[in-house]
Amino acid sequence: MKENKHILVIDDDEMLLYAIKMKLELAHYKVTTCSTVMDAYFKLDLLKPDLILLDIIMPEINGLEFMNLINSRLVAIQAPIILMTRLTKNELFEMGYKFGAASYLAKPFDVNDLPGILEKGFMNAGTKV
């Protein structure tokens, strides 16, 4: 059930983080947000999320570098990652899949659609959601 799903959202856009958090909590998900990948890195083992929504374009370390950094920990956590990005370069998506991404979400997206998108993402990892 959704109530048991914990989603970690990593994005440097504070307004988007707030909107995602509010919408997903209304849909009965547990949501933790991080505005930097380093914050997420240090919280990852403690949080043990069921799913990670990760922006590719981040200030200090981009999302793909973050995935590479945590690759060995992902096996233990078993959390699929859905990449979020405005970029449409196929090479980035291929690299994301190489590092373990389950899917990707093209920005901009309507946060009202996010609960349905994530349900699809939980069930159909490996496809564009």
C-alpha atoms as a PDB file:
ATOM      1  CA  MET A   1       0.000   0.000   0.000  1.00  0.00           C
ATOM      2  CA  LYS A   2       1.042   3.584  -0.611  1.00  0.00           C
ATOM      3  CA  GLU A   3       1.041   4.404   3.111  1.00  0.00           C
ATOM      4  CA  ASN A   4       4.045   2.150   3.519  1.00  0.00           C
ATOM      5  CA  LYS A   5       6.000   3.596   0.581  1.00  0.00           C
ATOM      6  CA  HIS A   6       8.795   5.995   1.511  1.00  0.00           C
ATOM      7  CA  ILE A   7       9.944   8.260  -1.290  1.00  0.00           C
ATOM      8  CA  LEU A   8      13.175  10.253  -1.212  1.00  0.00           C
ATOM      9  CA  VAL A   9      13.050  13.281  -3.515  1.00  0.00           C
ATOM     10  CA  ILE A  10      16.351  14.977  -4.400  1.00  0.00           C
ATOM     11  CA  ASP A  11      16.161  18.271  -6.299  1.00  0.00           C
ATOM     12  CA  ASP A  12      17.702  21.709  -5.868  1.00  0.00           C
ATOM     13  CA  ASP A  13      14.443  23.500  -6.741  1.00  0.00           C
ATOM     14  CA  GLU A  14      12.922  24.188  -3.310  1.00  0.00           C
ATOM     15  CA  MET A  15       9.512  25.126  -4.734  1.00  0.00           C
ATOM     16  CA  LEU A  16       9.321  21.896  -6.723  1.00  0.00           C
ATOM     17  CA  LEU A  17      10.393  19.892  -3.659  1.00  0.00           C
ATOM     18  CA  TYR A  18       7.609  21.488  -1.631  1.00  0.00           C
ATOM     19  CA  ALA A  19       4.986  20.844  -4.329  1.00  0.00           C
ATOM     20  CA  ILE A  20       6.061  17.212  -4.764  1.00  0.00           C
ATOM     21  CA  LYS A  21       6.116  16.625  -1.005  1.00  0.00           C
ATOM     22  CA  MET A  22       2.627  18.100  -0.494  1.00  0.00           C
ATOM     23  CA  LYS A  23       1.073  16.165  -3.398  1.00  0.00           C
ATOM     24  CA  LEU A  24       2.633  12.828  -2.458  1.00  0.00           C
ATOM     25  CA  GLU A  25       1.776  13.196   1.216  1.00  0.00           C
ATOM     26  CA  LEU A  26      -1.847  13.888   0.226  1.00  0.00           C
ATOM     27  CA  ALA A  27      -1.659  10.593  -1.695  1.00  0.00           C
ATOM     28  CA  HIS A  28      -0.498   8.874   1.551  1.00  0.00           C
ATOM     29  CA  TYR A  29       3.177   8.431   0.753  1.00  0.00           C
ATOM     30  CA  LYS A  30       5.889   9.110   3.301  1.00  0.00           C
ATOM     31  CA  VAL A  31       8.189  11.718   1.695  1.00  0.00           C
ATOM     32  CA  THR A  32      11.648  12.970   2.582  1.00  0.00           C
ATOM     33  CA  THR A  33      13.180  15.784   0.547  1.00  0.00           C
ATOM     34  CA  CYS A  34      16.807  16.781   0.095  1.00  0.00           C
ATOM     35  CA  SER A  35      17.966  19.858  -1.785  1.00  0.00           C
ATOM     36  CA  THR A  36      21.529  18.584  -2.182  1.00  0.00           C
ATOM     37  CA  VAL A  37      22.905  15.195  -3.115  1.00  0.00           C
ATOM     38  CA  MET A  38      25.341  15.323  -0.206  1.00  0.00           C
ATOM     39  CA  ASP A  39      22.444  15.678   2.226  1.00  0.00           C
ATOM     40  CA  ALA A  40      20.799  12.654   0.582  1.00  0.00           C
ATOM     41  CA  TYR A  41      24.087  10.735   0.595  1.00  0.00           C
ATOM     42  CA  PHE A  42      24.483  11.053   4.363  1.00  0.00           C
ATOM     43  CA  LYS A  43      20.824  10.229   5.065  1.00  0.00           C
ATOM     44  CA  LEU A  44      20.430   7.353   2.616  1.00  0.00           C
ATOM     45  CA  ASP A  45      21.213   4.420   4.915  1.00  0.00           C
ATOM     46  CA  LEU A  46      19.071   5.833   7.697  1.00  0.00           C
ATOM     47  CA  LEU A  47      16.091   6.597   5.439  1.00  0.00           C
ATOM     48  CA  LYS A  48      15.969   3.321   3.484  1.00  0.00           C
ATOM     49  CA  PRO A  49      13.531   4.713   0.898  1.00  0.00           C
ATOM     50  CA  ASP A  50      11.356   2.530  -1.316  1.00  0.00           C
ATOM     51  CA  LEU A  51      11.864   4.846  -4.281  1.00  0.00           C
ATOM     52  CA  ILE A  52      14.175   7.743  -5.113  1.00  0.00           C
ATOM     53  CA  LEU A  53      13.186  10.635  -7.377  1.00  0.00           C
ATOM     54  CA  LEU A  54      16.487  12.211  -8.448  1.00  0.00           C
ATOM     55  CA  ASP A  55      17.130  15.323 -10.499  1.00  0.00           C
ATOM     56  CA  ILE A  56      20.046  14.897 -12.901  1.00  0.00           C
ATOM     57  CA  ILE A  57      21.149  18.546 -12.965  1.00  0.00           C
ATOM     58  CA  MET A  58      22.282  19.407  -9.439  1.00  0.00           C
ATOM     59  CA  PRO A  59      24.862  21.918  -8.209  1.00  0.00           C
ATOM     60  CA  GLU A  60      27.799  20.141  -6.495  1.00  0.00           C
ATOM     61  CA  ILE A  61      27.431  16.597  -7.777  1.00  0.00           C
ATOM     62  CA  ASN A  62      24.993  15.779 -10.557  1.00  0.00           C
ATOM     63  CA  GLY A  63      22.459  12.986 -10.244  1.00  0.00           C
ATOM     64  CA  LEU A  64      24.432  10.536 -12.376  1.00  0.00           C
ATOM     65  CA  GLU A  65      27.578  11.056 -10.300  1.00  0.00           C
ATOM     66  CA  PHE A  66      25.462  10.552  -7.184  1.00  0.00           C
ATOM     67  CA  MET A  67      24.149   7.260  -8.561  1.00  0.00           C
ATOM     68  CA  ASN A  68      27.680   6.105  -9.295  1.00  0.00           C
ATOM     69  CA  LEU A  69      28.726   7.117  -5.781  1.00  0.00           C
ATOM     70  CA  ILE A  70      25.951   5.145  -4.095  1.00  0.00           C
ATOM     71  CA  ASN A  71      25.845   2.225  -6.533  1.00  0.00           C
ATOM     72  CA  SER A  72      27.011  -0.411  -4.041  1.00  0.00           C
ATOM     73  CA  ARG A  73      24.597   0.882  -1.388  1.00  0.00           C
ATOM     74  CA  LEU A  74      21.647   0.641  -3.780  1.00  0.00           C
ATOM     75  CA  VAL A  75      21.901  -3.128  -3.768  1.00  0.00           C
ATOM     76  CA  ALA A  76      21.377  -3.164  -0.014  1.00  0.00           C
ATOM     77  CA  ILE A  77      18.644  -0.522  -0.114  1.00  0.00           C
ATOM     78  CA  GLN A  78      16.893  -1.959  -3.185  1.00  0.00           C
ATOM     79  CA  ALA A  79      15.282   1.394  -4.026  1.00  0.00           C
ATOM     80  CA  PRO A  80      14.549   2.056  -7.680  1.00  0.00           C
ATOM     81  CA  ILE A  81      15.610   5.471  -8.928  1.00  0.00           C
ATOM     82  CA  ILE A  82      13.511   7.571 -11.248  1.00  0.00           C
ATOM     83  CA  LEU A  83      15.578  10.326 -12.817  1.00  0.00           C
ATOM     84  CA  MET A  84      13.988  13.738 -13.325  1.00  0.00           C
ATOM     85  CA  THR A  85      15.344  16.098 -15.954  1.00  0.00           C
ATOM     86  CA  ARG A  86      14.600  18.773 -18.519  1.00  0.00           C
ATOM     87  CA  LEU A  87      17.320  17.293 -20.705  1.00  0.00           C
ATOM     88  CA  THR A  88      16.364  15.010 -23.559  1.00  0.00           C
ATOM     89  CA  LYS A  89      19.741  13.578 -24.493  1.00  0.00           C
ATOM     90  CA  ASN A  90      19.472   9.815 -24.891  1.00  0.00           C
ATOM     91  CA  GLU A  91      23.100   9.379 -23.794  1.00  0.00           C
ATOM     92  CA  LEU A  92      22.186  10.721 -20.342  1.00  0.00           C
ATOM     93  CA  PHE A  93      19.341   8.260 -19.991  1.00  0.00           C
ATOM     94  CA  GLU A  94      21.542   5.399 -21.171  1.00  0.00           C
ATOM     95  CA  MET A  95      24.177   6.413 -18.627  1.00  0.00           C
ATOM     96  CA  GLY A  96      21.472   6.634 -15.961  1.00  0.00           C
ATOM     97  CA  TYR A  97      20.295   3.120 -16.769  1.00  0.00           C
ATOM     98  CA  LYS A  98      23.915   1.939 -16.675  1.00  0.00           C
ATOM     99  CA  PHE A  99      24.221   3.309 -13.130  1.00  0.00           C
ATOM    100  CA  GLY A 100      20.974   1.646 -12.103  1.00  0.00           C
ATOM    101  CA  ALA A 101      18.110   4.024 -12.879  1.00  0.00           C
ATOM    102  CA  ALA A 102      14.780   2.264 -13.201  1.00  0.00           C
ATOM    103  CA  SER A 103      13.115   4.985 -15.245  1.00  0.00           C
ATOM    104  CA  TYR A 104      12.997   8.699 -15.957  1.00  0.00           C
ATOM    105  CA  LEU A 105      10.487  11.502 -15.724  1.00  0.00           C
ATOM    106  CA  ALA A 106      10.670  14.416 -18.149  1.00  0.00           C
ATOM    107  CA  LYS A 107      10.344  17.898 -16.644  1.00  0.00           C
ATOM    108  CA  PRO A 108       8.184  19.849 -16.557  1.00  0.00           C
ATOM    109  CA  PHE A 109       5.485  17.552 -15.272  1.00  0.00           C
ATOM    110  CA  ASP A 110       2.220  18.236 -13.491  1.00  0.00           C
ATOM    111  CA  VAL A 111       2.651  17.375  -9.803  1.00  0.00           C
ATOM    112  CA  ASN A 112      -1.056  16.486  -9.726  1.00  0.00           C
ATOM    113  CA  ASP A 113      -0.218  13.539 -11.985  1.00  0.00           C
ATOM    114  CA  LEU A 114       2.722  12.405  -9.847  1.00  0.00           C
ATOM    115  CA  PRO A 115       0.954   9.864  -7.598  1.00  0.00           C
ATOM    116  CA  GLY A 116      -0.356   7.994 -10.661  1.00  0.00           C
ATOM    117  CA  ILE A 117       3.003   8.270 -12.402  1.00  0.00           C
ATOM    118  CA  LEU A 118       4.776   6.800  -9.376  1.00  0.00           C
ATOM    119  CA  GLU A 119       2.331   3.929  -9.074  1.00  0.00           C
ATOM    120  CA  LYS A 120       3.129   3.134 -12.690  1.00  0.00           C
ATOM    121  CA  GLY A 121       6.844   3.565 -11.904  1.00  0.00           C
ATOM    122  CA  PHE A 122       6.709   1.161  -8.953  1.00  0.00           C
ATOM    123  CA  MET A 123       5.118  -1.456 -11.176  1.00  0.00           C
ATOM    124  CA  ASN A 124       6.925  -0.850 -14.479  1.00  0.00           C
ATOM    125  CA  ALA A 125      10.549  -0.031 -13.687  1.00  0.00           C
ATOM    126  CA  GLY A 126      12.727   0.336 -16.763  1.00  0.00           C
ATOM    127  CA  THR A 127      10.418   2.503 -18.835  1.00  0.00           C
ATOM    128  CA  LYS A 128       9.868   6.199 -19.250  1.00  0.00           C
ATOM    129  CA  VAL A 129       7.189   7.281 -16.838  1.00  0.00           C
END
